[in-house]
């Protein structure tokens, strides 16, 4: 996509993909644990860095699970990225009955459209135990607009 590599002390983000690209070819998103970054392609600004590690029931969850089941699914409740997009768009965020932050369902399409039109994703694989440290290093050093450390 013509986006420069972003390096931090323990890794590099390269190979940026749009939502339509990764939706068309899920294999672009690694199954492994790791971290990911999101850039606003209109402004060229790094907006978010997140991590993918953990378990769902007895099955490990990696980057592909995190991206497709949380961020690209139209449900802000499970996605801090989608809630940051909502805030950027001026969409109200509230707490549901279970005390989770979410948005009214009528706004999910606007959030998905923003991600589809403007977000570029990149991924960096790390061993399970290194993921939190890698995310912290990337957030501290690269200072994404929405969630710096």
N, C-alpha and C. Protein backbone atom coordinates (compact mmCIF):
# COMPACT_ATOMS: atom_id res chain seq x y z
N UNK A 1 0.83 -1.19 0.00
CA UNK A 1 0.00 0.00 0.00
C UNK A 1 0.87 1.26 0.00
N UNK A 2 2.18 1.12 -0.07
CA UNK A 2 3.03 2.28 -0.10
C UNK A 2 3.24 2.94 1.26
N UNK A 3 2.97 2.23 2.33
CA UNK A 3 3.14 2.78 3.68
C UNK A 3 4.50 2.32 4.20
N UNK A 4 5.21 3.24 4.81
CA UNK A 4 6.54 2.93 5.33
C UNK A 4 6.48 1.96 6.50
N UNK A 5 7.58 1.25 6.71
CA UNK A 5 7.71 0.41 7.89
C UNK A 5 7.77 1.29 9.13
N UNK A 6 7.23 0.79 10.24
CA UNK A 6 7.34 1.46 11.53
C UNK A 6 8.11 0.53 12.45
N UNK A 7 9.27 0.95 12.91
CA UNK A 7 10.08 0.12 13.79
C UNK A 7 10.05 0.63 15.21
N UNK A 8 10.12 -0.32 16.14
CA UNK A 8 10.26 0.00 17.56
C UNK A 8 11.32 -0.93 18.11
N UNK A 9 11.66 -0.80 19.38
CA UNK A 9 12.85 -1.45 19.92
C UNK A 9 12.89 -2.97 19.72
N UNK A 10 11.75 -3.63 19.69
CA UNK A 10 11.78 -5.10 19.58
C UNK A 10 11.03 -5.63 18.36
N UNK A 11 10.71 -4.77 17.41
CA UNK A 11 10.00 -5.27 16.24
C UNK A 11 9.78 -4.20 15.19
N UNK A 12 9.15 -4.63 14.10
CA UNK A 12 8.83 -3.73 12.99
C UNK A 12 7.45 -4.08 12.46
N UNK A 13 6.68 -3.05 12.19
CA UNK A 13 5.42 -3.23 11.48
C UNK A 13 5.67 -2.95 10.00
N UNK A 14 5.26 -3.87 9.14
CA UNK A 14 5.38 -3.68 7.69
C UNK A 14 4.19 -4.39 7.05
N UNK A 15 4.08 -4.33 5.75
CA UNK A 15 3.00 -5.01 5.02
C UNK A 15 1.62 -4.59 5.55
N UNK A 16 1.22 -3.39 5.21
CA UNK A 16 -0.06 -2.82 5.64
C UNK A 16 -1.17 -3.28 4.70
N UNK A 17 -2.32 -3.63 5.27
CA UNK A 17 -3.45 -4.14 4.50
C UNK A 17 -4.73 -3.40 4.86
N UNK A 18 -5.56 -3.16 3.87
CA UNK A 18 -6.86 -2.55 4.11
C UNK A 18 -7.85 -3.63 4.58
N UNK A 19 -8.95 -3.18 5.14
CA UNK A 19 -10.00 -4.13 5.56
C UNK A 19 -10.50 -4.96 4.37
N UNK A 20 -10.80 -4.34 3.23
CA UNK A 20 -11.24 -5.17 2.11
C UNK A 20 -10.21 -6.24 1.71
N UNK A 21 -8.92 -5.92 1.80
CA UNK A 21 -7.89 -6.91 1.47
C UNK A 21 -7.91 -8.08 2.44
N UNK A 22 -7.96 -7.80 3.75
CA UNK A 22 -7.90 -8.91 4.70
C UNK A 22 -9.23 -9.66 4.76
N UNK A 23 -10.33 -9.01 4.43
CA UNK A 23 -11.59 -9.73 4.36
C UNK A 23 -11.62 -10.65 3.15
N UNK A 24 -10.96 -10.25 2.07
CA UNK A 24 -10.89 -11.08 0.86
C UNK A 24 -9.91 -12.23 1.01
N UNK A 25 -8.88 -12.06 1.84
CA UNK A 25 -7.87 -13.09 2.04
C UNK A 25 -7.48 -13.14 3.52
N UNK A 26 -8.21 -13.92 4.29
CA UNK A 26 -7.98 -14.02 5.74
C UNK A 26 -6.58 -14.50 6.09
N UNK A 27 -5.92 -15.16 5.15
CA UNK A 27 -4.57 -15.66 5.41
C UNK A 27 -3.55 -14.53 5.55
N UNK A 28 -3.90 -13.31 5.18
CA UNK A 28 -3.01 -12.16 5.38
C UNK A 28 -2.84 -11.85 6.86
N UNK A 29 -3.79 -12.30 7.67
CA UNK A 29 -3.73 -12.08 9.12
C UNK A 29 -3.22 -13.36 9.77
N UNK A 30 -2.07 -13.32 10.43
CA UNK A 30 -1.52 -14.54 11.05
C UNK A 30 -2.44 -15.11 12.13
N UNK A 31 -2.41 -16.42 12.27
CA UNK A 31 -3.14 -17.07 13.36
C UNK A 31 -2.40 -16.93 14.69
N UNK A 32 -1.12 -16.72 14.63
CA UNK A 32 -0.26 -16.69 15.81
C UNK A 32 -0.59 -15.51 16.73
N UNK A 33 -0.14 -15.59 17.99
CA UNK A 33 -0.27 -14.44 18.88
C UNK A 33 0.66 -13.32 18.43
N UNK A 34 0.33 -12.12 18.82
CA UNK A 34 1.19 -10.99 18.46
C UNK A 34 0.50 -9.67 18.71
N UNK A 35 1.02 -8.67 18.05
CA UNK A 35 0.44 -7.33 18.16
C UNK A 35 0.11 -6.83 16.76
N UNK A 36 -0.73 -5.81 16.72
CA UNK A 36 -1.13 -5.24 15.44
C UNK A 36 -1.22 -3.74 15.58
N UNK A 37 -1.09 -3.05 14.46
CA UNK A 37 -1.20 -1.60 14.44
C UNK A 37 -2.20 -1.21 13.38
N UNK A 38 -2.84 -0.07 13.61
CA UNK A 38 -3.82 0.45 12.67
C UNK A 38 -3.44 1.89 12.33
N UNK A 39 -3.40 2.17 11.03
CA UNK A 39 -3.08 3.51 10.55
C UNK A 39 -4.29 4.06 9.81
N UNK A 40 -4.53 5.36 9.96
CA UNK A 40 -5.56 6.04 9.18
C UNK A 40 -4.95 6.38 7.83
N UNK A 41 -5.42 5.75 6.78
CA UNK A 41 -4.78 5.95 5.48
C UNK A 41 -5.02 7.34 4.92
N UNK A 42 -6.06 8.03 5.37
CA UNK A 42 -6.30 9.40 4.90
C UNK A 42 -5.27 10.37 5.46
N UNK A 43 -4.87 10.17 6.70
CA UNK A 43 -3.95 11.10 7.35
C UNK A 43 -2.53 10.57 7.46
N UNK A 44 -2.36 9.25 7.30
CA UNK A 44 -1.05 8.63 7.48
C UNK A 44 -0.61 8.56 8.93
N UNK A 45 -1.56 8.72 9.85
CA UNK A 45 -1.27 8.72 11.28
C UNK A 45 -1.54 7.35 11.88
N UNK A 46 -0.59 6.85 12.68
CA UNK A 46 -0.80 5.62 13.44
C UNK A 46 -1.84 5.94 14.51
N UNK A 47 -2.94 5.19 14.51
CA UNK A 47 -4.02 5.52 15.45
C UNK A 47 -4.18 4.52 16.58
N UNK A 48 -3.71 3.28 16.42
CA UNK A 48 -4.00 2.27 17.44
C UNK A 48 -2.99 1.14 17.38
N UNK A 49 -2.62 0.63 18.54
CA UNK A 49 -1.82 -0.60 18.65
C UNK A 49 -2.53 -1.50 19.64
N UNK A 50 -2.70 -2.75 19.27
CA UNK A 50 -3.37 -3.71 20.15
C UNK A 50 -2.65 -5.03 20.18
N UNK A 51 -3.15 -5.93 21.04
CA UNK A 51 -2.52 -7.24 21.18
C UNK A 51 -3.56 -8.34 20.96
N UNK A 52 -3.06 -9.48 20.59
CA UNK A 52 -3.91 -10.66 20.41
C UNK A 52 -3.20 -11.83 21.05
N UNK A 53 -3.75 -12.25 22.18
CA UNK A 53 -3.24 -13.43 22.88
C UNK A 53 -4.31 -13.85 23.87
N UNK A 54 -4.31 -15.05 24.22
CA UNK A 54 -5.28 -15.50 25.20
C UNK A 54 -5.95 -16.78 24.76
N UNK A 55 -7.00 -17.11 25.46
CA UNK A 55 -7.73 -18.35 25.19
C UNK A 55 -9.22 -18.08 25.18
N UNK A 56 -9.92 -18.78 24.31
CA UNK A 56 -11.37 -18.81 24.33
C UNK A 56 -11.73 -20.25 24.62
N UNK A 57 -12.29 -20.47 25.79
CA UNK A 57 -12.50 -21.83 26.29
C UNK A 57 -11.15 -22.51 26.34
N UNK A 58 -10.93 -23.59 25.61
CA UNK A 58 -9.64 -24.28 25.65
C UNK A 58 -8.79 -24.01 24.41
N UNK A 59 -9.23 -23.12 23.56
CA UNK A 59 -8.55 -22.87 22.29
C UNK A 59 -7.77 -21.55 22.34
N UNK A 60 -6.50 -21.57 21.94
CA UNK A 60 -5.75 -20.31 21.92
C UNK A 60 -6.32 -19.36 20.86
N UNK A 61 -6.23 -18.07 21.16
CA UNK A 61 -6.68 -17.04 20.23
C UNK A 61 -5.49 -16.20 19.81
N UNK A 62 -5.35 -16.00 18.52
CA UNK A 62 -4.27 -15.18 18.00
C UNK A 62 -4.80 -13.98 17.23
N UNK A 63 -3.96 -13.45 16.36
CA UNK A 63 -4.29 -12.24 15.61
C UNK A 63 -5.53 -12.40 14.73
N UNK A 64 -5.63 -13.50 14.01
CA UNK A 64 -6.78 -13.67 13.11
C UNK A 64 -8.09 -13.67 13.89
N UNK A 65 -8.13 -14.39 14.99
CA UNK A 65 -9.33 -14.40 15.83
C UNK A 65 -9.66 -12.99 16.31
N UNK A 66 -8.66 -12.29 16.80
CA UNK A 66 -8.89 -10.95 17.35
C UNK A 66 -9.43 -10.00 16.29
N UNK A 67 -8.82 -9.99 15.13
CA UNK A 67 -9.24 -9.06 14.08
C UNK A 67 -10.64 -9.39 13.57
N UNK A 68 -10.88 -10.65 13.24
CA UNK A 68 -12.16 -11.00 12.62
C UNK A 68 -13.32 -11.14 13.60
N UNK A 69 -13.04 -11.60 14.80
CA UNK A 69 -14.14 -11.84 15.75
C UNK A 69 -14.40 -10.66 16.67
N UNK A 70 -13.50 -9.70 16.71
CA UNK A 70 -13.70 -8.54 17.57
C UNK A 70 -13.79 -7.25 16.75
N UNK A 71 -12.77 -6.94 15.97
CA UNK A 71 -12.71 -5.64 15.32
C UNK A 71 -13.54 -5.53 14.05
N UNK A 72 -13.62 -6.58 13.27
CA UNK A 72 -14.38 -6.49 12.03
C UNK A 72 -15.82 -6.96 12.19
N UNK A 73 -16.14 -7.50 13.33
CA UNK A 73 -17.51 -7.88 13.65
C UNK A 73 -18.24 -6.61 14.12
N UNK A 74 -19.44 -6.35 13.63
CA UNK A 74 -20.12 -5.10 14.01
C UNK A 74 -20.67 -5.12 15.43
N UNK A 75 -19.73 -5.06 16.39
CA UNK A 75 -20.12 -5.06 17.80
C UNK A 75 -19.01 -4.39 18.61
N UNK A 76 -19.24 -3.15 18.99
CA UNK A 76 -18.22 -2.37 19.70
C UNK A 76 -17.95 -2.90 21.11
N UNK A 77 -18.86 -3.67 21.64
CA UNK A 77 -18.72 -4.15 23.02
C UNK A 77 -17.40 -4.89 23.24
N UNK A 78 -16.96 -5.69 22.30
CA UNK A 78 -15.75 -6.49 22.47
C UNK A 78 -14.51 -5.88 21.84
N UNK A 79 -14.59 -4.63 21.39
CA UNK A 79 -13.50 -4.07 20.62
C UNK A 79 -13.19 -2.64 21.05
N UNK A 80 -12.06 -2.47 21.71
CA UNK A 80 -11.64 -1.11 22.06
C UNK A 80 -11.41 -0.30 20.79
N UNK A 81 -10.87 -0.93 19.74
CA UNK A 81 -10.65 -0.22 18.48
C UNK A 81 -11.97 0.37 17.96
N UNK A 82 -13.03 -0.43 17.95
CA UNK A 82 -14.32 0.07 17.46
C UNK A 82 -14.85 1.19 18.34
N UNK A 83 -14.59 1.13 19.64
CA UNK A 83 -15.02 2.21 20.53
C UNK A 83 -14.21 3.49 20.29
N UNK A 84 -12.92 3.35 19.98
CA UNK A 84 -12.13 4.53 19.63
C UNK A 84 -12.65 5.16 18.33
N UNK A 85 -13.00 4.32 17.35
CA UNK A 85 -13.59 4.84 16.11
C UNK A 85 -14.89 5.58 16.44
N UNK A 86 -15.72 4.98 17.29
CA UNK A 86 -16.98 5.63 17.69
C UNK A 86 -16.70 7.00 18.28
N UNK A 87 -15.74 7.08 19.17
CA UNK A 87 -15.40 8.36 19.79
C UNK A 87 -14.93 9.37 18.72
N UNK A 88 -14.12 8.90 17.78
CA UNK A 88 -13.63 9.76 16.69
C UNK A 88 -14.79 10.31 15.87
N UNK A 89 -15.82 9.50 15.69
CA UNK A 89 -16.99 9.90 14.89
C UNK A 89 -18.04 10.64 15.70
N UNK A 90 -17.80 10.80 17.00
CA UNK A 90 -18.76 11.48 17.85
C UNK A 90 -19.95 10.63 18.25
N UNK A 91 -19.81 9.32 18.15
CA UNK A 91 -20.88 8.39 18.52
C UNK A 91 -20.83 8.17 20.02
N UNK A 92 -21.95 8.30 20.70
CA UNK A 92 -21.96 8.11 22.16
C UNK A 92 -21.62 6.67 22.57
N UNK A 93 -20.80 6.56 23.60
CA UNK A 93 -20.44 5.27 24.18
C UNK A 93 -21.11 5.20 25.54
N UNK A 94 -21.72 4.06 25.84
CA UNK A 94 -22.39 3.91 27.13
C UNK A 94 -22.08 2.53 27.69
N UNK A 95 -22.48 2.31 28.92
CA UNK A 95 -22.31 1.00 29.56
C UNK A 95 -23.62 0.23 29.48
N UNK A 96 -23.52 -1.04 29.05
CA UNK A 96 -24.72 -1.86 28.95
C UNK A 96 -25.07 -2.46 30.32
N UNK A 97 -26.06 -3.34 30.34
CA UNK A 97 -26.52 -3.92 31.61
C UNK A 97 -25.43 -4.72 32.32
N UNK A 98 -24.49 -5.27 31.56
CA UNK A 98 -23.39 -6.03 32.14
C UNK A 98 -22.19 -5.13 32.45
N UNK A 99 -22.36 -3.82 32.31
CA UNK A 99 -21.34 -2.81 32.60
C UNK A 99 -20.20 -2.81 31.59
N UNK A 100 -20.43 -3.30 30.36
CA UNK A 100 -19.44 -3.24 29.29
C UNK A 100 -19.68 -1.98 28.47
N UNK A 101 -18.60 -1.36 28.02
CA UNK A 101 -18.73 -0.21 27.14
C UNK A 101 -19.18 -0.66 25.77
N UNK A 102 -20.14 0.08 25.18
CA UNK A 102 -20.67 -0.27 23.87
C UNK A 102 -21.27 0.96 23.22
N UNK A 103 -21.81 0.78 22.04
CA UNK A 103 -22.54 1.84 21.33
C UNK A 103 -23.89 1.28 20.90
N UNK A 104 -24.81 2.16 20.59
CA UNK A 104 -26.10 1.74 20.07
C UNK A 104 -25.86 1.05 18.72
N UNK A 105 -26.54 -0.07 18.50
CA UNK A 105 -26.36 -0.86 17.29
C UNK A 105 -26.56 -0.10 16.00
N UNK A 106 -27.33 0.97 16.03
CA UNK A 106 -27.57 1.74 14.79
C UNK A 106 -26.29 2.41 14.29
N UNK A 107 -25.27 2.51 15.14
CA UNK A 107 -24.02 3.17 14.74
C UNK A 107 -22.94 2.19 14.25
N UNK A 108 -23.18 0.90 14.38
CA UNK A 108 -22.15 -0.07 14.02
C UNK A 108 -21.76 0.02 12.54
N UNK A 109 -22.71 0.31 11.67
CA UNK A 109 -22.39 0.42 10.24
C UNK A 109 -21.44 1.58 9.97
N UNK A 110 -21.62 2.69 10.68
CA UNK A 110 -20.72 3.84 10.51
C UNK A 110 -19.30 3.49 10.95
N UNK A 111 -19.20 2.74 12.03
CA UNK A 111 -17.88 2.31 12.53
C UNK A 111 -17.23 1.37 11.51
N UNK A 112 -18.00 0.43 11.00
CA UNK A 112 -17.47 -0.50 10.00
C UNK A 112 -17.06 0.23 8.72
N UNK A 113 -17.82 1.23 8.32
CA UNK A 113 -17.49 2.00 7.12
C UNK A 113 -16.17 2.75 7.31
N UNK A 114 -15.97 3.36 8.50
CA UNK A 114 -14.71 4.04 8.78
C UNK A 114 -13.55 3.05 8.64
N UNK A 115 -13.67 1.89 9.29
CA UNK A 115 -12.59 0.90 9.21
C UNK A 115 -12.37 0.45 7.77
N UNK A 116 -13.44 0.20 7.03
CA UNK A 116 -13.32 -0.26 5.66
C UNK A 116 -12.71 0.77 4.73
N UNK A 117 -13.05 2.03 4.95
CA UNK A 117 -12.57 3.09 4.07
C UNK A 117 -11.19 3.63 4.45
N UNK A 118 -10.87 3.62 5.74
CA UNK A 118 -9.68 4.36 6.18
C UNK A 118 -8.62 3.55 6.90
N UNK A 119 -8.94 2.39 7.46
CA UNK A 119 -7.98 1.67 8.28
C UNK A 119 -7.03 0.81 7.45
N UNK A 120 -5.77 0.85 7.82
CA UNK A 120 -4.75 -0.07 7.31
C UNK A 120 -4.22 -0.83 8.51
N UNK A 121 -4.13 -2.15 8.38
CA UNK A 121 -3.68 -3.03 9.46
C UNK A 121 -2.32 -3.62 9.12
N UNK A 122 -1.53 -3.85 10.15
CA UNK A 122 -0.27 -4.58 10.03
C UNK A 122 -0.09 -5.43 11.27
N UNK A 123 0.74 -6.46 11.18
CA UNK A 123 0.83 -7.46 12.24
C UNK A 123 2.29 -7.81 12.53
N UNK A 124 2.56 -8.10 13.79
CA UNK A 124 3.88 -8.57 14.21
C UNK A 124 3.68 -9.74 15.16
N UNK A 125 4.27 -10.86 14.85
CA UNK A 125 4.12 -12.09 15.65
C UNK A 125 5.14 -12.10 16.78
N UNK A 126 4.67 -12.50 17.97
CA UNK A 126 5.53 -12.66 19.14
C UNK A 126 5.10 -13.90 19.90
N UNK A 127 6.00 -14.53 20.65
CA UNK A 127 5.60 -15.65 21.53
C UNK A 127 4.59 -15.16 22.56
N UNK A 128 3.72 -16.08 23.01
CA UNK A 128 2.66 -15.73 23.97
C UNK A 128 3.17 -14.84 25.10
N UNK A 129 4.24 -15.26 25.77
CA UNK A 129 4.71 -14.53 26.94
C UNK A 129 5.29 -13.16 26.64
N UNK A 130 5.62 -12.91 25.38
CA UNK A 130 6.22 -11.63 24.99
C UNK A 130 5.21 -10.60 24.48
N UNK A 131 3.98 -11.02 24.24
CA UNK A 131 2.99 -10.14 23.62
C UNK A 131 2.72 -8.88 24.44
N UNK A 132 2.44 -8.98 25.76
CA UNK A 132 2.17 -7.74 26.51
C UNK A 132 3.33 -6.75 26.47
N UNK A 133 4.55 -7.24 26.61
CA UNK A 133 5.71 -6.36 26.55
C UNK A 133 5.89 -5.73 25.18
N UNK A 134 5.63 -6.51 24.13
CA UNK A 134 5.74 -5.98 22.77
C UNK A 134 4.70 -4.89 22.54
N UNK A 135 3.47 -5.13 23.01
CA UNK A 135 2.43 -4.10 22.85
C UNK A 135 2.83 -2.83 23.60
N UNK A 136 3.29 -2.98 24.84
CA UNK A 136 3.69 -1.80 25.62
C UNK A 136 4.83 -1.04 24.95
N UNK A 137 5.81 -1.77 24.43
CA UNK A 137 6.94 -1.11 23.75
C UNK A 137 6.46 -0.35 22.52
N UNK A 138 5.60 -0.98 21.72
CA UNK A 138 5.10 -0.32 20.51
C UNK A 138 4.27 0.92 20.87
N UNK A 139 3.40 0.79 21.87
CA UNK A 139 2.58 1.94 22.27
C UNK A 139 3.42 3.07 22.85
N UNK A 140 4.41 2.72 23.65
CA UNK A 140 5.27 3.73 24.29
C UNK A 140 6.13 4.45 23.24
N UNK A 141 6.70 3.69 22.32
CA UNK A 141 7.65 4.27 21.37
C UNK A 141 6.99 4.88 20.14
N UNK A 142 5.92 4.28 19.66
CA UNK A 142 5.28 4.77 18.43
C UNK A 142 4.15 5.76 18.70
N UNK A 143 3.66 5.79 19.93
CA UNK A 143 2.65 6.75 20.38
C UNK A 143 1.44 6.83 19.44
N UNK A 144 0.70 5.73 19.31
CA UNK A 144 -0.52 5.81 18.48
C UNK A 144 -1.47 6.86 19.04
N UNK A 145 -2.15 7.56 18.17
CA UNK A 145 -2.98 8.69 18.58
C UNK A 145 -4.05 8.31 19.60
N UNK A 146 -4.66 7.14 19.45
CA UNK A 146 -5.79 6.79 20.32
C UNK A 146 -5.38 6.08 21.60
N UNK A 147 -4.26 5.39 21.64
CA UNK A 147 -3.91 4.65 22.85
C UNK A 147 -2.41 4.62 23.15
N UNK A 148 -1.77 5.79 23.27
CA UNK A 148 -0.34 5.78 23.62
C UNK A 148 -0.16 5.39 25.09
N UNK A 149 1.04 4.96 25.43
CA UNK A 149 1.39 4.71 26.84
C UNK A 149 2.07 5.93 27.41
